[in-house]
């Protein structure tokens, strides 16, 4: 027989001392009947038997003080961010993220894939941070979405899907412009039929659960190597995703429009036989790097 104990830690707060905190634990149970067998009435210990027949069980956690069970304060629900001006939001859709990528390296969400192309959306970041397999906070956040918002979800590195048909339907119904997931999605065909644009790590049949463990709404999150804060401007197209502050949108859009506006003339010149390398300066740089004969 193999015996494992659930560890408890003593914590002190300014108001009271909590006798013991039972932490979320994962047990691999080895028993022919695939059952957890209590050793006795002491809930701090479990008896696990063999031979191996693994299943995964979860011991949920709470606070126990004075013989009474209390829930820990593990959810953060910050106010919804002030939305960016709608004219500025729409102006971001008039330029390409890859044009911005010619000018800067920071502020790009990397490694995610859109659920269809061509794709384009822009809006105010509403952020959610999930603890792996608990998507409680995401369901709450989905109800809060407004027209002009972009839902941005960090999933603590978990590869399973937190975003399926019902969450997508809610987001679409509330008016969300699009969704950015540092995790997977499911119900792919259903979401596609809704016409909701989603960038994600891919598709997974394994999904999150409503566990009530923890989660945060409208806090800074990290998605695809980029920090996104509530209220940031998020713009996505078929080339990728960029994150900006509202106070830089006007200047960035003006610069990008000038750069993109020069392309038709350049294409005409190239068609007439002019050199791309000479126009871009690549020819000069290339010659500088050639060995002297």
Protein backbone atom coordinates (compact mmCIF):
# COMPACT_ATOMS: atom_id res chain seq x y z
CA UNK A 1 0.00 0.00 0.00
CA UNK A 2 1.24 3.51 -0.86
CA UNK A 3 0.20 6.34 1.45
CA UNK A 4 0.32 10.01 0.43
CA UNK A 5 -0.52 13.02 2.59
CA UNK A 6 -2.02 16.34 1.59
CA UNK A 7 0.30 19.05 2.87
CA UNK A 8 -1.04 22.05 4.81
CA UNK A 9 0.66 25.37 5.43
CA UNK A 10 0.01 27.92 8.15
CA UNK A 11 -0.58 31.46 7.04
CA UNK A 12 -0.98 34.63 9.11
CA UNK A 13 -2.99 37.65 7.99
CA UNK A 14 -3.46 41.04 9.61
CA UNK A 15 -6.90 40.03 10.80
CA UNK A 16 -6.61 36.38 11.75
CA UNK A 17 -4.43 33.33 11.71
CA UNK A 18 -5.67 30.66 9.34
CA UNK A 19 -5.22 27.23 10.86
CA UNK A 20 -4.36 25.48 7.64
CA UNK A 21 -4.62 26.08 3.91
CA UNK A 22 -5.35 23.06 1.72
CA UNK A 23 -3.63 23.56 -1.61
CA UNK A 24 -4.88 22.29 -4.96
CA UNK A 25 -3.30 18.84 -5.31
CA UNK A 26 -3.07 16.39 -8.19
CA UNK A 27 -3.02 12.68 -7.31
CA UNK A 28 -2.15 9.80 -9.59
CA UNK A 29 -4.24 7.00 -8.12
CA UNK A 30 -3.00 3.45 -8.62
CA UNK A 31 -5.74 0.92 -7.94
CA UNK A 32 -7.38 -1.90 -9.91
CA UNK A 33 -10.80 -0.45 -9.17
CA UNK A 34 -9.63 3.08 -9.93
CA UNK A 35 -10.98 4.30 -6.59
CA UNK A 36 -9.63 6.53 -3.87
CA UNK A 37 -9.68 4.65 -0.56
CA UNK A 38 -9.79 6.85 2.58
CA UNK A 39 -7.29 5.69 5.21
CA UNK A 40 -9.56 6.88 8.02
CA UNK A 41 -11.65 9.92 8.83
CA UNK A 42 -8.59 12.17 8.67
CA UNK A 43 -9.03 14.17 5.44
CA UNK A 44 -5.34 15.14 5.42
CA UNK A 45 -4.37 11.68 4.22
CA UNK A 46 -5.32 9.24 1.47
CA UNK A 47 -4.36 5.61 0.91
CA UNK A 48 -3.51 4.69 -2.66
CA UNK A 49 -3.23 1.06 -3.74
CA UNK A 50 -1.53 -0.67 -6.67
CA UNK A 51 -1.05 -2.21 -9.30
CA UNK A 52 -1.04 0.84 -11.59
CA UNK A 53 -4.28 1.99 -13.17
CA UNK A 54 -3.83 5.78 -13.34
CA UNK A 55 -6.59 8.31 -13.06
CA UNK A 56 -6.36 12.01 -12.26
CA UNK A 57 -8.30 13.45 -9.36
CA UNK A 58 -8.37 16.93 -7.91
CA UNK A 59 -8.55 17.87 -4.25
CA UNK A 60 -10.04 21.36 -4.35
CA UNK A 61 -8.87 23.85 -1.80
CA UNK A 62 -10.40 26.17 0.77
CA UNK A 63 -9.51 27.85 4.04
CA UNK A 64 -10.28 26.13 7.30
CA UNK A 65 -10.24 28.27 10.44
CA UNK A 66 -11.98 27.64 13.74
CA UNK A 67 -13.60 24.53 12.33
CA UNK A 68 -15.42 26.44 9.59
CA UNK A 69 -14.71 26.31 5.85
CA UNK A 70 -14.09 29.62 4.06
CA UNK A 71 -13.33 30.38 0.41
CA UNK A 72 -10.04 32.02 -0.43
CA UNK A 73 -10.06 35.36 -2.21
CA UNK A 74 -8.49 34.19 -5.48
CA UNK A 75 -10.48 36.13 -8.07
CA UNK A 76 -9.69 39.65 -9.27
CA UNK A 77 -12.37 41.63 -11.09
CA UNK A 78 -11.05 45.06 -12.03
CA UNK A 79 -13.27 47.66 -13.72
CA UNK A 80 -13.67 47.56 -17.47
CA UNK A 81 -11.11 49.80 -19.22
CA UNK A 82 -12.01 53.07 -20.89
CA UNK A 83 -12.46 52.28 -24.56
CA UNK A 84 -10.26 53.86 -27.19
CA UNK A 85 -11.88 56.43 -29.45
CA UNK A 86 -13.86 54.62 -32.14
CA UNK A 87 -12.40 56.79 -34.88
CA UNK A 88 -8.91 55.81 -33.80
CA UNK A 89 -9.96 52.18 -33.57
CA UNK A 90 -11.24 52.23 -37.14
CA UNK A 91 -8.12 54.04 -38.38
CA UNK A 92 -6.01 51.06 -37.30
CA UNK A 93 -7.93 48.94 -39.80
CA UNK A 94 -6.68 51.17 -42.64
CA UNK A 95 -3.04 50.10 -42.24
CA UNK A 96 -1.16 46.80 -42.01
CA UNK A 97 0.59 45.32 -39.00
CA UNK A 98 3.49 44.23 -41.22
CA UNK A 99 4.09 47.83 -42.27
CA UNK A 100 4.53 48.65 -38.59
CA UNK A 101 6.85 45.65 -38.43
CA UNK A 102 9.20 47.44 -40.85
CA UNK A 103 9.65 50.17 -38.26
CA UNK A 104 9.70 48.48 -34.84
CA UNK A 105 10.22 45.10 -33.19
CA UNK A 106 8.36 45.53 -29.90
CA UNK A 107 4.62 45.31 -29.30
CA UNK A 108 3.85 42.26 -31.44
CA UNK A 109 2.02 39.12 -30.28
CA UNK A 110 3.96 36.19 -31.72
CA UNK A 111 3.26 32.55 -32.48
CA UNK A 112 -0.53 32.60 -32.79
CA UNK A 113 -2.62 31.60 -35.81
CA UNK A 114 -5.95 33.07 -37.02
CA UNK A 115 -9.01 30.86 -37.49
CA UNK A 116 -9.43 32.25 -41.01
CA UNK A 117 -7.83 34.62 -43.53
CA UNK A 118 -8.26 37.33 -44.65
CA UNK A 119 -8.87 38.64 -41.14
CA UNK A 120 -8.91 42.13 -39.63
CA UNK A 121 -10.08 43.56 -36.31
CA UNK A 122 -9.09 46.24 -33.83
CA UNK A 123 -10.30 47.34 -30.43
CA UNK A 124 -9.77 47.91 -26.74
CA UNK A 125 -8.05 45.11 -24.83
CA UNK A 126 -10.14 43.40 -22.17
CA UNK A 127 -7.76 40.98 -20.49
CA UNK A 128 -8.23 37.70 -18.62
CA UNK A 129 -5.63 35.57 -16.85
CA UNK A 130 -6.55 31.93 -16.21
CA UNK A 131 -4.79 29.36 -13.98
CA UNK A 132 -4.35 26.48 -16.41
CA UNK A 133 -7.57 24.43 -16.48
CA UNK A 134 -9.99 26.78 -14.65
CA UNK A 135 -11.91 29.11 -16.98
CA UNK A 136 -14.32 30.54 -14.40
CA UNK A 137 -13.03 34.10 -14.88
CA UNK A 138 -13.34 33.86 -18.67
CA UNK A 139 -17.09 33.17 -18.48
CA UNK A 140 -17.54 36.18 -16.21
CA UNK A 141 -15.44 38.39 -18.51
CA UNK A 142 -17.34 37.27 -21.63
CA UNK A 143 -20.55 38.68 -20.17
CA UNK A 144 -18.86 42.07 -19.70
CA UNK A 145 -17.67 42.52 -23.30
CA UNK A 146 -18.81 45.57 -25.27
CA UNK A 147 -18.82 46.56 -28.94
CA UNK A 148 -15.28 47.69 -29.72
CA UNK A 149 -13.57 45.31 -27.27
CA UNK A 150 -10.95 42.67 -28.05
CA UNK A 151 -10.82 39.78 -25.58
CA UNK A 152 -7.22 38.85 -24.69
CA UNK A 153 -6.67 35.66 -22.65
CA UNK A 154 -3.52 34.37 -20.96
CA UNK A 155 -3.75 30.72 -19.94
CA UNK A 156 -0.62 30.21 -17.80
CA UNK A 157 0.98 28.09 -20.51
CA UNK A 158 -1.74 25.44 -20.59
CA UNK A 159 -2.31 23.97 -24.08
CA UNK A 160 -5.95 22.99 -23.67
CA UNK A 161 -8.88 25.03 -24.99
CA UNK A 162 -10.60 27.64 -22.85
CA UNK A 163 -12.65 29.03 -25.74
CA UNK A 164 -15.49 27.10 -27.35
CA UNK A 165 -18.87 27.65 -28.93
CA UNK A 166 -20.79 29.14 -26.01
CA UNK A 167 -18.07 31.58 -24.95
CA UNK A 168 -17.63 32.55 -28.61
CA UNK A 169 -21.38 33.05 -29.01
CA UNK A 170 -21.46 35.26 -25.91
CA UNK A 171 -18.48 37.32 -27.11
CA UNK A 172 -20.02 37.75 -30.55
CA UNK A 173 -23.44 38.64 -29.13
CA UNK A 174 -21.92 41.24 -26.81
CA UNK A 175 -20.18 42.85 -29.79
CA UNK A 176 -16.54 41.83 -29.36
CA UNK A 177 -14.37 42.73 -32.35
CA UNK A 178 -12.11 39.69 -31.97
CA UNK A 179 -10.30 37.35 -29.60
CA UNK A 180 -6.62 36.71 -28.81
CA UNK A 181 -5.89 33.43 -26.98
CA UNK A 182 -2.58 32.29 -25.52
CA UNK A 183 -4.11 28.83 -25.58
CA UNK A 184 -6.25 26.70 -27.85
CA UNK A 185 -9.84 26.88 -29.03
CA UNK A 186 -12.48 24.21 -29.65
CA UNK A 187 -15.80 24.01 -31.52
CA UNK A 188 -13.79 25.33 -34.45
CA UNK A 189 -16.52 25.00 -37.10
CA UNK A 190 -19.11 26.59 -34.83
CA UNK A 191 -16.89 29.59 -34.09
CA UNK A 192 -16.05 29.90 -37.78
CA UNK A 193 -19.75 29.93 -38.65
CA UNK A 194 -20.27 32.76 -36.15
CA UNK A 195 -17.75 34.83 -38.10
CA UNK A 196 -15.86 35.69 -34.92
CA UNK A 197 -12.16 36.32 -35.65
CA UNK A 198 -9.89 34.42 -33.25
CA UNK A 199 -6.12 34.20 -32.98
CA UNK A 200 -4.98 31.18 -30.92
CA UNK A 201 -2.31 28.54 -30.40
CA UNK A 202 -4.45 26.04 -32.31
CA UNK A 203 -7.33 23.66 -31.71
CA UNK A 204 -7.78 21.18 -28.86
CA UNK A 205 -10.53 18.77 -27.86
CA UNK A 206 -9.25 18.93 -24.27
CA UNK A 207 -10.92 21.83 -22.52
CA UNK A 208 -10.85 23.83 -19.32
CA UNK A 209 -13.41 23.46 -16.51
CA UNK A 210 -15.43 25.74 -14.24
CA UNK A 211 -13.62 24.97 -10.99
CA UNK A 212 -13.71 28.22 -9.02
CA UNK A 213 -9.99 28.06 -8.30
CA UNK A 214 -8.76 31.50 -9.35
CA UNK A 215 -8.61 33.98 -12.20
CA UNK A 216 -8.18 37.67 -12.96
CA UNK A 217 -10.07 40.12 -15.15
CA UNK A 218 -8.48 43.30 -16.51
CA UNK A 219 -4.93 42.79 -15.28
CA UNK A 220 -1.71 42.92 -17.33
CA UNK A 221 -1.22 39.65 -19.22
CA UNK A 222 1.50 38.17 -21.38
CA UNK A 223 0.38 36.75 -24.71
CA UNK A 224 2.78 35.57 -27.39
CA UNK A 225 5.71 37.27 -25.68
CA UNK A 226 3.92 40.62 -25.52
CA UNK A 227 2.60 42.36 -22.41
CA UNK A 228 -0.98 43.54 -22.93
CA UNK A 229 -2.62 45.90 -20.45
CA UNK A 230 -6.35 46.56 -20.12
CA UNK A 231 -7.26 49.45 -22.39
CA UNK A 232 -4.43 48.91 -24.86
CA UNK A 233 -5.26 49.15 -28.53
CA UNK A 234 -5.04 45.77 -30.25
CA UNK A 235 -4.99 45.50 -34.04
CA UNK A 236 -4.87 42.23 -35.94
CA UNK A 237 -4.85 41.30 -39.61
CA UNK A 238 -3.74 38.40 -41.78
CA UNK A 239 -0.09 39.19 -41.04
CA UNK A 240 -0.23 39.30 -37.25
CA UNK A 241 -1.14 41.22 -34.10
CA UNK A 242 0.19 44.55 -32.80
CA UNK A 243 -0.43 46.26 -29.47
CA UNK A 244 -0.32 50.06 -29.08
CA UNK A 245 -1.14 52.73 -26.54
CA UNK A 246 -4.01 54.99 -27.59
CA UNK A 247 -1.88 58.13 -27.46
CA UNK A 248 0.42 56.80 -30.20
CA UNK A 249 -2.27 55.63 -32.64
CA UNK A 250 -2.61 58.89 -34.61
CA UNK A 251 1.12 59.26 -35.25
CA UNK A 252 1.63 55.58 -36.07
CA UNK A 253 -1.30 55.48 -38.50
CA UNK A 254 -0.08 58.64 -40.28
CA UNK A 255 3.43 57.20 -40.75
CA UNK A 256 2.13 53.84 -41.95
CA UNK A 257 -0.26 55.47 -44.43
CA UNK A 258 2.60 57.49 -45.92
CA UNK A 259 4.73 54.39 -46.24
CA UNK A 260 1.96 52.29 -47.79
CA UNK A 261 0.88 55.18 -50.00
CA UNK A 262 4.27 55.16 -51.74
CA UNK A 263 3.92 51.55 -52.88
CA UNK A 264 1.73 52.03 -56.00
CA UNK A 265 4.27 54.42 -57.53
CA UNK A 266 7.14 52.06 -56.66
CA UNK A 267 5.34 49.15 -58.31
CA UNK A 268 4.88 51.23 -61.46
CA UNK A 269 8.59 52.09 -61.49
CA UNK A 270 9.61 48.46 -61.01
CA UNK A 271 7.28 47.47 -63.83
CA UNK A 272 9.09 50.03 -66.00
CA UNK A 273 12.44 48.42 -65.23
CA UNK A 274 13.68 50.36 -62.19
CA UNK A 275 15.60 48.55 -59.45
CA UNK A 276 13.98 47.57 -56.13
CA UNK A 277 17.41 47.20 -54.52
CA UNK A 278 18.44 50.71 -55.54
CA UNK A 279 15.19 52.19 -54.22
CA UNK A 280 15.46 50.40 -50.86
CA UNK A 281 19.18 51.02 -50.42
CA UNK A 282 19.93 47.31 -50.43
CA UNK A 283 22.20 47.65 -53.49
CA UNK A 284 24.44 50.16 -51.71
CA UNK A 285 24.63 48.07 -48.52
CA UNK A 286 25.34 44.94 -50.53
CA UNK A 287 28.23 46.60 -52.36
CA UNK A 288 29.74 47.76 -49.06
CA UNK A 289 29.85 44.18 -47.87
CA UNK A 290 31.43 42.68 -50.94
CA UNK A 291 35.14 41.73 -50.66
CA UNK A 292 37.56 43.99 -52.51
CA UNK A 293 38.97 42.25 -55.61
